[in-house]
PDB file of N, CA and C in Angstrom:
ATOM      1  N   MET A   1      -3.354  13.828 -32.383  1.00  0.00           N
ATOM      2  CA  MET A   1      -3.221  15.222 -32.752  1.00  0.00           C
ATOM      3  C   MET A   1      -3.008  15.370 -34.247  1.00  0.00           C
ATOM      4  N   THR A   2      -2.174  14.525 -34.819  1.00  0.00           N
ATOM      5  CA  THR A   2      -1.917  14.578 -36.246  1.00  0.00           C
ATOM      6  C   THR A   2      -3.193  14.296 -37.029  1.00  0.00           C
ATOM      7  N   ARG A   3      -3.954  13.353 -36.566  1.00  0.00           N
ATOM      8  CA  ARG A   3      -5.197  13.000 -37.250  1.00  0.00           C
ATOM      9  C   ARG A   3      -6.155  14.191 -37.247  1.00  0.00           C
ATOM     10  N   LYS A   4      -6.253  14.895 -36.153  1.00  0.00           N
ATOM     11  CA  LYS A   4      -7.146  16.042 -36.032  1.00  0.00           C
ATOM     12  C   LYS A   4      -6.738  17.155 -36.989  1.00  0.00           C
ATOM     13  N   VAL A   5      -5.448  17.393 -37.114  1.00  0.00           N
ATOM     14  CA  VAL A   5      -4.948  18.416 -38.023  1.00  0.00           C
ATOM     15  C   VAL A   5      -5.269  18.042 -39.463  1.00  0.00           C
ATOM     16  N   GLU A   6      -5.075  16.774 -39.806  1.00  0.00           N
ATOM     17  CA  GLU A   6      -5.358  16.338 -41.166  1.00  0.00           C
ATOM     18  C   GLU A   6      -6.848  16.357 -41.474  1.00  0.00           C
ATOM     19  N   GLN A   7      -7.700  16.202 -40.490  1.00  0.00           N
ATOM     20  CA  GLN A   7      -9.140  16.306 -40.709  1.00  0.00           C
ATOM     21  C   GLN A   7      -9.538  17.731 -41.076  1.00  0.00           C
ATOM     22  N   LEU A   8      -8.771  18.688 -40.647  1.00  0.00           N
ATOM     23  CA  LEU A   8      -9.051  20.086 -40.961  1.00  0.00           C
ATOM     24  C   LEU A   8      -8.443  20.505 -42.299  1.00  0.00           C
ATOM     25  N   ALA A   9      -8.026  19.542 -43.098  1.00  0.00           N
ATOM     26  CA  ALA A   9      -7.490  19.742 -44.449  1.00  0.00           C
ATOM     27  C   ALA A   9      -6.096  20.353 -44.456  1.00  0.00           C
ATOM     28  N   TYR A  10      -5.368  20.179 -43.385  1.00  0.00           N
ATOM     29  CA  TYR A  10      -3.966  20.575 -43.343  1.00  0.00           C
ATOM     30  C   TYR A  10      -3.112  19.324 -43.295  1.00  0.00           C
ATOM     31  N   LYS A  11      -1.875  19.478 -43.717  1.00  0.00           N
ATOM     32  CA  LYS A  11      -0.972  18.345 -43.656  1.00  0.00           C
ATOM     33  C   LYS A  11      -0.041  18.545 -42.462  1.00  0.00           C
ATOM     34  N   ALA A  12      -0.044  17.579 -41.593  1.00  0.00           N
ATOM     35  CA  ALA A  12       0.814  17.662 -40.404  1.00  0.00           C
ATOM     36  C   ALA A  12       2.181  17.081 -40.736  1.00  0.00           C
ATOM     37  N   ILE A  13       3.207  17.832 -40.427  1.00  0.00           N
ATOM     38  CA  ILE A  13       4.579  17.371 -40.627  1.00  0.00           C
ATOM     39  C   ILE A  13       5.195  17.196 -39.252  1.00  0.00           C
ATOM     40  N   ARG A  14       5.700  16.019 -39.015  1.00  0.00           N
ATOM     41  CA  ARG A  14       6.246  15.721 -37.694  1.00  0.00           C
ATOM     42  C   ARG A  14       7.484  14.868 -37.833  1.00  0.00           C
ATOM     43  N   LYS A  15       8.503  15.256 -37.156  1.00  0.00           N
ATOM     44  CA  LYS A  15       9.714  14.460 -37.135  1.00  0.00           C
ATOM     45  C   LYS A  15       9.585  13.491 -35.974  1.00  0.00           C
ATOM     46  N   GLU A  16       9.344  12.259 -36.287  1.00  0.00           N
ATOM     47  CA  GLU A  16       9.021  11.263 -35.268  1.00  0.00           C
ATOM     48  C   GLU A  16      10.118  11.115 -34.211  1.00  0.00           C
ATOM     49  N   LYS A  17      11.337  10.988 -34.661  1.00  0.00           N
ATOM     50  CA  LYS A  17      12.417  10.740 -33.698  1.00  0.00           C
ATOM     51  C   LYS A  17      12.613  11.922 -32.769  1.00  0.00           C
ATOM     52  N   GLU A  18      12.714  13.124 -33.330  1.00  0.00           N
ATOM     53  CA  GLU A  18      12.947  14.299 -32.512  1.00  0.00           C
ATOM     54  C   GLU A  18      11.728  14.650 -31.664  1.00  0.00           C
ATOM     55  N   ALA A  19      10.549  14.491 -32.229  1.00  0.00           N
ATOM     56  CA  ALA A  19       9.337  14.819 -31.481  1.00  0.00           C
ATOM     57  C   ALA A  19       9.132  13.846 -30.326  1.00  0.00           C
ATOM     58  N   ALA A  20       9.471  12.601 -30.528  1.00  0.00           N
ATOM     59  CA  ALA A  20       9.254  11.599 -29.494  1.00  0.00           C
ATOM     60  C   ALA A  20      10.260  11.732 -28.346  1.00  0.00           C
ATOM     61  N   THR A  21      11.480  12.054 -28.644  1.00  0.00           N
ATOM     62  CA  THR A  21      12.511  12.073 -27.609  1.00  0.00           C
ATOM     63  C   THR A  21      12.798  13.455 -27.040  1.00  0.00           C
ATOM     64  N   GLY A  22      12.378  14.495 -27.719  1.00  0.00           N
ATOM     65  CA  GLY A  22      12.672  15.846 -27.241  1.00  0.00           C
ATOM     66  C   GLY A  22      14.093  16.270 -27.533  1.00  0.00           C
ATOM     67  N   ASP A  23      14.758  15.596 -28.462  1.00  0.00           N
ATOM     68  CA  ASP A  23      16.141  15.941 -28.799  1.00  0.00           C
ATOM     69  C   ASP A  23      16.267  17.354 -29.348  1.00  0.00           C
ATOM     70  N   TYR A  24      15.234  17.824 -30.023  1.00  0.00           N
ATOM     71  CA  TYR A  24      15.314  19.156 -30.609  1.00  0.00           C
ATOM     72  C   TYR A  24      15.458  20.222 -29.524  1.00  0.00           C
ATOM     73  N   LYS A  25      14.849  20.021 -28.379  1.00  0.00           N
ATOM     74  CA  LYS A  25      15.002  20.984 -27.288  1.00  0.00           C
ATOM     75  C   LYS A  25      16.422  20.964 -26.734  1.00  0.00           C
ATOM     76  N   LYS A  26      16.985  19.782 -26.599  1.00  0.00           N
ATOM     77  CA  LYS A  26      18.356  19.675 -26.095  1.00  0.00           C
ATOM     78  C   LYS A  26      19.339  20.314 -27.064  1.00  0.00           C
ATOM     79  N   LYS A  27      19.118  20.095 -28.363  1.00  0.00           N
ATOM     80  CA  LYS A  27      19.995  20.701 -29.364  1.00  0.00           C
ATOM     81  C   LYS A  27      19.887  22.216 -29.333  1.00  0.00           C
ATOM     82  N   GLU A  28      18.676  22.728 -29.192  1.00  0.00           N
ATOM     83  CA  GLU A  28      18.470  24.168 -29.144  1.00  0.00           C
ATOM     84  C   GLU A  28      19.119  24.772 -27.894  1.00  0.00           C
ATOM     85  N   ILE A  29      19.000  24.121 -26.758  1.00  0.00           N
ATOM     86  CA  ILE A  29      19.627  24.608 -25.527  1.00  0.00           C
ATOM     87  C   ILE A  29      21.145  24.591 -25.651  1.00  0.00           C
ATOM     88  N   ARG A  30      21.690  23.530 -26.231  1.00  0.00           N
ATOM     89  CA  ARG A  30      23.140  23.438 -26.431  1.00  0.00           C
ATOM     90  C   ARG A  30      23.628  24.554 -27.362  1.00  0.00           C
ATOM     91  N   ARG A  31      22.859  24.838 -28.414  1.00  0.00           N
ATOM     92  CA  ARG A  31      23.230  25.885 -29.366  1.00  0.00           C
ATOM     93  C   ARG A  31      23.177  27.264 -28.697  1.00  0.00           C
ATOM     94  N   LYS A  32      22.160  27.501 -27.885  1.00  0.00           N
ATOM     95  CA  LYS A  32      22.035  28.784 -27.189  1.00  0.00           C
ATOM     96  C   LYS A  32      23.160  28.977 -26.171  1.00  0.00           C
ATOM     97  N   LYS A  33      23.558  27.923 -25.483  1.00  0.00           N
ATOM     98  CA  LYS A  33      24.665  28.019 -24.528  1.00  0.00           C
ATOM     99  C   LYS A  33      25.969  28.349 -25.245  1.00  0.00           C
ATOM    100  N   LEU A  34      26.189  27.734 -26.390  1.00  0.00           N
ATOM    101  CA  LEU A  34      27.390  28.026 -27.174  1.00  0.00           C
ATOM    102  C   LEU A  34      27.379  29.476 -27.647  1.00  0.00           C
ATOM    103  N   GLN A  35      26.237  29.950 -28.113  1.00  0.00           N
ATOM    104  CA  GLN A  35      26.138  31.340 -28.547  1.00  0.00           C
ATOM    105  C   GLN A  35      26.398  32.302 -27.393  1.00  0.00           C
ATOM    106  N   LEU A  36      25.876  31.984 -26.219  1.00  0.00           N
ATOM    107  CA  LEU A  36      26.106  32.831 -25.044  1.00  0.00           C
ATOM    108  C   LEU A  36      27.591  32.879 -24.701  1.00  0.00           C
ATOM    109  N   ALA A  37      28.248  31.740 -24.733  1.00  0.00           N
ATOM    110  CA  ALA A  37      29.672  31.696 -24.400  1.00  0.00           C
ATOM    111  C   ALA A  37      30.498  32.498 -25.406  1.00  0.00           C
ATOM    112  N   ILE A  38      30.207  32.332 -26.672  1.00  0.00           N
ATOM    113  CA  ILE A  38      30.949  33.067 -27.706  1.00  0.00           C
ATOM    114  C   ILE A  38      30.720  34.565 -27.580  1.00  0.00           C
ATOM    115  N   SER A  39      29.473  34.966 -27.400  1.00  0.00           N
ATOM    116  CA  SER A  39      29.191  36.395 -27.300  1.00  0.00           C
ATOM    117  C   SER A  39      29.790  36.998 -26.025  1.00  0.00           C
ATOM    118  N   ALA A  40      29.840  36.225 -24.941  1.00  0.00           N
ATOM    119  CA  ALA A  40      30.455  36.731 -23.714  1.00  0.00           C
ATOM    120  C   ALA A  40      31.951  36.938 -23.892  1.00  0.00           C
ATOM    121  N   VAL A  41      32.612  35.998 -24.546  1.00  0.00           N
ATOM    122  CA  VAL A  41      34.059  36.116 -24.772  1.00  0.00           C
ATOM    123  C   VAL A  41      34.365  37.303 -25.678  1.00  0.00           C
ATOM    124  N   LEU A  42      33.571  37.496 -26.719  1.00  0.00           N
ATOM    125  CA  LEU A  42      33.818  38.605 -27.639  1.00  0.00           C
ATOM    126  C   LEU A  42      33.434  39.954 -27.036  1.00  0.00           C
ATOM    127  N   SER A  43      32.459  39.979 -26.149  1.00  0.00           N
ATOM    128  CA  SER A  43      31.988  41.242 -25.567  1.00  0.00           C
ATOM    129  C   SER A  43      32.793  41.681 -24.350  1.00  0.00           C
ATOM    130  N   PHE A  44      33.438  40.754 -23.674  1.00  0.00           N
ATOM    131  CA  PHE A  44      34.167  41.087 -22.453  1.00  0.00           C
ATOM    132  C   PHE A  44      35.194  42.205 -22.647  1.00  0.00           C
ATOM    133  N   PRO A  45      36.062  42.141 -23.658  1.00  0.00           N
ATOM    134  CA  PRO A  45      37.035  43.234 -23.820  1.00  0.00           C
ATOM    135  C   PRO A  45      36.368  44.580 -24.089  1.00  0.00           C
ATOM    136  N   LEU A  46      35.230  44.570 -24.754  1.00  0.00           N
ATOM    137  CA  LEU A  46      34.530  45.828 -25.029  1.00  0.00           C
ATOM    138  C   LEU A  46      33.964  46.433 -23.747  1.00  0.00           C
ATOM    139  N   MET A  47      33.411  45.597 -22.913  1.00  0.00           N
ATOM    140  CA  MET A  47      32.831  46.080 -21.660  1.00  0.00           C
ATOM    141  C   MET A  47      33.916  46.584 -20.711  1.00  0.00           C
ATOM    142  N   VAL A  48      35.005  45.864 -20.647  1.00  0.00           N
ATOM    143  CA  VAL A  48      36.092  46.258 -19.744  1.00  0.00           C
ATOM    144  C   VAL A  48      36.691  47.593 -20.169  1.00  0.00           C
ATOM    145  N   SER A  49      36.809  47.813 -21.459  1.00  0.00           N
ATOM    146  CA  SER A  49      37.455  49.033 -21.943  1.00  0.00           C
ATOM    147  C   SER A  49      36.583  50.274 -21.806  1.00  0.00           C
ATOM    148  N   HIS A  50      35.283  50.129 -21.599  1.00  0.00           N
ATOM    149  CA  HIS A  50      34.396  51.292 -21.593  1.00  0.00           C
ATOM    150  C   HIS A  50      33.797  51.630 -20.237  1.00  0.00           C
ATOM    151  N   PHE A  51      34.078  50.870 -19.200  1.00  0.00           N
ATOM    152  CA  PHE A  51      33.551  51.170 -17.877  1.00  0.00           C
ATOM    153  C   PHE A  51      34.693  51.541 -16.936  1.00  0.00           C
ATOM    154  N   SER A  52      34.484  52.579 -16.142  1.00  0.00           N
ATOM    155  CA  SER A  52      35.546  53.038 -15.250  1.00  0.00           C
ATOM    156  C   SER A  52      35.768  52.090 -14.069  1.00  0.00           C
ATOM    157  N   PHE A  53      34.726  51.396 -13.619  1.00  0.00           N
ATOM    158  CA  PHE A  53      34.896  50.501 -12.475  1.00  0.00           C
ATOM    159  C   PHE A  53      35.675  49.236 -12.828  1.00  0.00           C
ATOM    160  N   THR A  54      35.970  49.034 -14.106  1.00  0.00           N
ATOM    161  CA  THR A  54      36.789  47.890 -14.514  1.00  0.00           C
ATOM    162  C   THR A  54      38.195  48.331 -14.920  1.00  0.00           C
ATOM    163  N   SER A  55      38.592  49.507 -14.510  1.00  0.00           N
ATOM    164  CA  SER A  55      39.898  50.028 -14.931  1.00  0.00           C
ATOM    165  C   SER A  55      41.067  49.240 -14.346  1.00  0.00           C
ATOM    166  N   TRP A  56      40.826  48.467 -13.305  1.00  0.00           N
ATOM    167  CA  TRP A  56      41.897  47.683 -12.696  1.00  0.00           C
ATOM    168  C   TRP A  56      42.235  46.426 -13.504  1.00  0.00           C
ATOM    169  N   ILE A  57      41.390  46.060 -14.478  1.00  0.00           N
ATOM    170  CA  ILE A  57      41.642  44.884 -15.311  1.00  0.00           C
ATOM    171  C   ILE A  57      42.551  45.289 -16.464  1.00  0.00           C
ATOM    172  N   TYR A  58      43.637  44.567 -16.628  1.00  0.00           N
ATOM    173  CA  TYR A  58      44.585  44.881 -17.691  1.00  0.00           C
ATOM    174  C   TYR A  58      44.047  44.431 -19.046  1.00  0.00           C
ATOM    175  N   LEU A  59      44.127  45.317 -20.016  1.00  0.00           N
ATOM    176  CA  LEU A  59      43.807  44.997 -21.402  1.00  0.00           C
ATOM    177  C   LEU A  59      44.975  45.429 -22.280  1.00  0.00           C
ATOM    178  N   PRO A  60      45.370  44.608 -23.225  1.00  0.00           N
ATOM    179  CA  PRO A  60      46.422  45.030 -24.158  1.00  0.00           C
ATOM    180  C   PRO A  60      45.965  46.255 -24.957  1.00  0.00           C
ATOM    181  N   ASP A  61      46.902  47.059 -25.371  1.00  0.00           N
ATOM    182  CA  ASP A  61      46.576  48.297 -26.074  1.00  0.00           C
ATOM    183  C   ASP A  61      45.871  48.071 -27.407  1.00  0.00           C
ATOM    184  N   PHE A  62      46.137  46.965 -28.058  1.00  0.00           N
ATOM    185  CA  PHE A  62      45.511  46.749 -29.371  1.00  0.00           C
ATOM    186  C   PHE A  62      43.993  46.590 -29.257  1.00  0.00           C
ATOM    187  N   LEU A  63      43.502  46.222 -28.071  1.00  0.00           N
ATOM    188  CA  LEU A  63      42.055  46.091 -27.889  1.00  0.00           C
ATOM    189  C   LEU A  63      41.346  47.438 -27.805  1.00  0.00           C
ATOM    190  N   MET A  64      42.100  48.515 -27.651  1.00  0.00           N
ATOM    191  CA  MET A  64      41.503  49.842 -27.639  1.00  0.00           C
ATOM    192  C   MET A  64      41.351  50.399 -29.051  1.00  0.00           C
ATOM    193  N   ASN A  65      41.903  49.745 -30.034  1.00  0.00           N
ATOM    194  CA  ASN A  65      41.771  50.154 -31.426  1.00  0.00           C
ATOM    195  C   ASN A  65      40.315  49.983 -31.858  1.00  0.00           C
ATOM    196  N   SER A  66      39.761  51.000 -32.495  1.00  0.00           N
ATOM    197  CA  SER A  66      38.353  50.959 -32.879  1.00  0.00           C
ATOM    198  C   SER A  66      38.063  49.879 -33.923  1.00  0.00           C
ATOM    199  N   LEU A  67      39.015  49.557 -34.781  1.00  0.00           N
ATOM    200  CA  LEU A  67      38.793  48.503 -35.774  1.00  0.00           C
ATOM    201  C   LEU A  67      38.765  47.118 -35.125  1.00  0.00           C
ATOM    202  N   VAL A  68      39.577  46.921 -34.113  1.00  0.00           N
ATOM    203  CA  VAL A  68      39.559  45.658 -33.377  1.00  0.00           C
ATOM    204  C   VAL A  68      38.235  45.522 -32.623  1.00  0.00           C
ATOM    205  N   GLN A  69      37.774  46.601 -32.033  1.00  0.00           N
ATOM    206  CA  GLN A  69      36.495  46.566 -31.331  1.00  0.00           C
ATOM    207  C   GLN A  69      35.340  46.313 -32.298  1.00  0.00           C
ATOM    208  N   LEU A  70      35.418  46.886 -33.482  1.00  0.00           N
ATOM    209  CA  LEU A  70      34.406  46.613 -34.511  1.00  0.00           C
ATOM    210  C   LEU A  70      34.425  45.139 -34.903  1.00  0.00           C
ATOM    211  N   ALA A  71      35.612  44.578 -35.036  1.00  0.00           N
ATOM    212  CA  ALA A  71      35.733  43.162 -35.398  1.00  0.00           C
ATOM    213  C   ALA A  71      35.192  42.251 -34.301  1.00  0.00           C
ATOM    214  N   LEU A  72      35.296  42.663 -33.046  1.00  0.00           N
ATOM    215  CA  LEU A  72      34.757  41.862 -31.951  1.00  0.00           C
ATOM    216  C   LEU A  72      33.229  41.990 -31.856  1.00  0.00           C
ATOM    217  N   ALA A  73      32.705  43.181 -32.114  1.00  0.00           N
ATOM    218  CA  ALA A  73      31.274  43.426 -31.938  1.00  0.00           C
ATOM    219  C   ALA A  73      30.436  42.935 -33.111  1.00  0.00           C
ATOM    220  N   THR A  74      30.980  42.910 -34.301  1.00  0.00           N
ATOM    221  CA  THR A  74      30.199  42.557 -35.489  1.00  0.00           C
ATOM    222  C   THR A  74      29.612  41.151 -35.430  1.00  0.00           C
ATOM    223  N   PRO A  75      30.365  40.111 -35.102  1.00  0.00           N
ATOM    224  CA  PRO A  75      29.751  38.785 -35.044  1.00  0.00           C
ATOM    225  C   PRO A  75      28.664  38.667 -33.964  1.00  0.00           C
ATOM    226  N   VAL A  76      28.852  39.372 -32.857  1.00  0.00           N
ATOM    227  CA  VAL A  76      27.848  39.325 -31.790  1.00  0.00           C
ATOM    228  C   VAL A  76      26.550  39.965 -32.280  1.00  0.00           C
ATOM    229  N   GLN A  77      26.678  41.089 -32.952  1.00  0.00           N
ATOM    230  CA  GLN A  77      25.502  41.824 -33.404  1.00  0.00           C
ATOM    231  C   GLN A  77      24.792  41.129 -34.557  1.00  0.00           C
ATOM    232  N   PHE A  78      25.528  40.734 -35.578  1.00  0.00           N
ATOM    233  CA  PHE A  78      24.893  40.305 -36.815  1.00  0.00           C
ATOM    234  C   PHE A  78      24.797  38.796 -37.008  1.00  0.00           C
ATOM    235  N   ILE A  79      25.588  38.019 -36.306  1.00  0.00           N
ATOM    236  CA  ILE A  79      25.506  36.560 -36.460  1.00  0.00           C
ATOM    237  C   ILE A  79      24.765  35.952 -35.272  1.00  0.00           C
ATOM    238  N   ILE A  80      25.243  36.214 -34.077  1.00  0.00           N
ATOM    239  CA  ILE A  80      24.612  35.631 -32.897  1.00  0.00           C
ATOM    240  C   ILE A  80      23.297  36.337 -32.573  1.00  0.00           C
ATOM    241  N   GLY A  81      23.242  37.639 -32.790  1.00  0.00           N
ATOM    242  CA  GLY A  81      22.055  38.406 -32.432  1.00  0.00           C
ATOM    243  C   GLY A  81      20.965  38.445 -33.478  1.00  0.00           C
ATOM    244  N   ARG A  82      21.146  37.813 -34.601  1.00  0.00           N
ATOM    245  CA  ARG A  82      20.116  37.884 -35.629  1.00  0.00           C
ATOM    246  C   ARG A  82      18.848  37.159 -35.165  1.00  0.00           C
ATOM    247  N   ALA A  83      17.743  37.659 -35.649  1.00  0.00           N
ATOM    248  CA  ALA A  83      16.448  37.062 -35.284  1.00  0.00           C
ATOM    249  C   ALA A  83      16.184  35.863 -36.189  1.00  0.00           C
ATOM    250  N   ARG A  84      15.759  34.802 -35.591  1.00  0.00           N
ATOM    251  CA  ARG A  84      15.396  33.607 -36.353  1.00  0.00           C
ATOM    252  C   ARG A  84      13.889  33.504 -36.391  1.00  0.00           C
ATOM    253  N   CYS A  85      13.362  33.677 -37.568  1.00  0.00           N
ATOM    254  CA  CYS A  85      11.902  33.619 -37.721  1.00  0.00           C
ATOM    255  C   CYS A  85      11.480  32.354 -38.444  1.00  0.00           C
TER     256      CYS A  85
END
């Protein structure tokens, strides 16, 4: 495959170790799982505080503060949710 790409006057860049073993996929899956866990932990108090069917779950009063909710939502929105192009 690399030879074919180079015949078309392009330079093929390949990471031999990662391409051969598929480690890059495992790393990406591990990173996505970590992001999911972090975003779930940060989003849980926001979801509980805004739905009536979760009113039986106790939340400390400081979590109802709008600045605390902003601090919880910002990393989910702008760090974990950013698009990687």
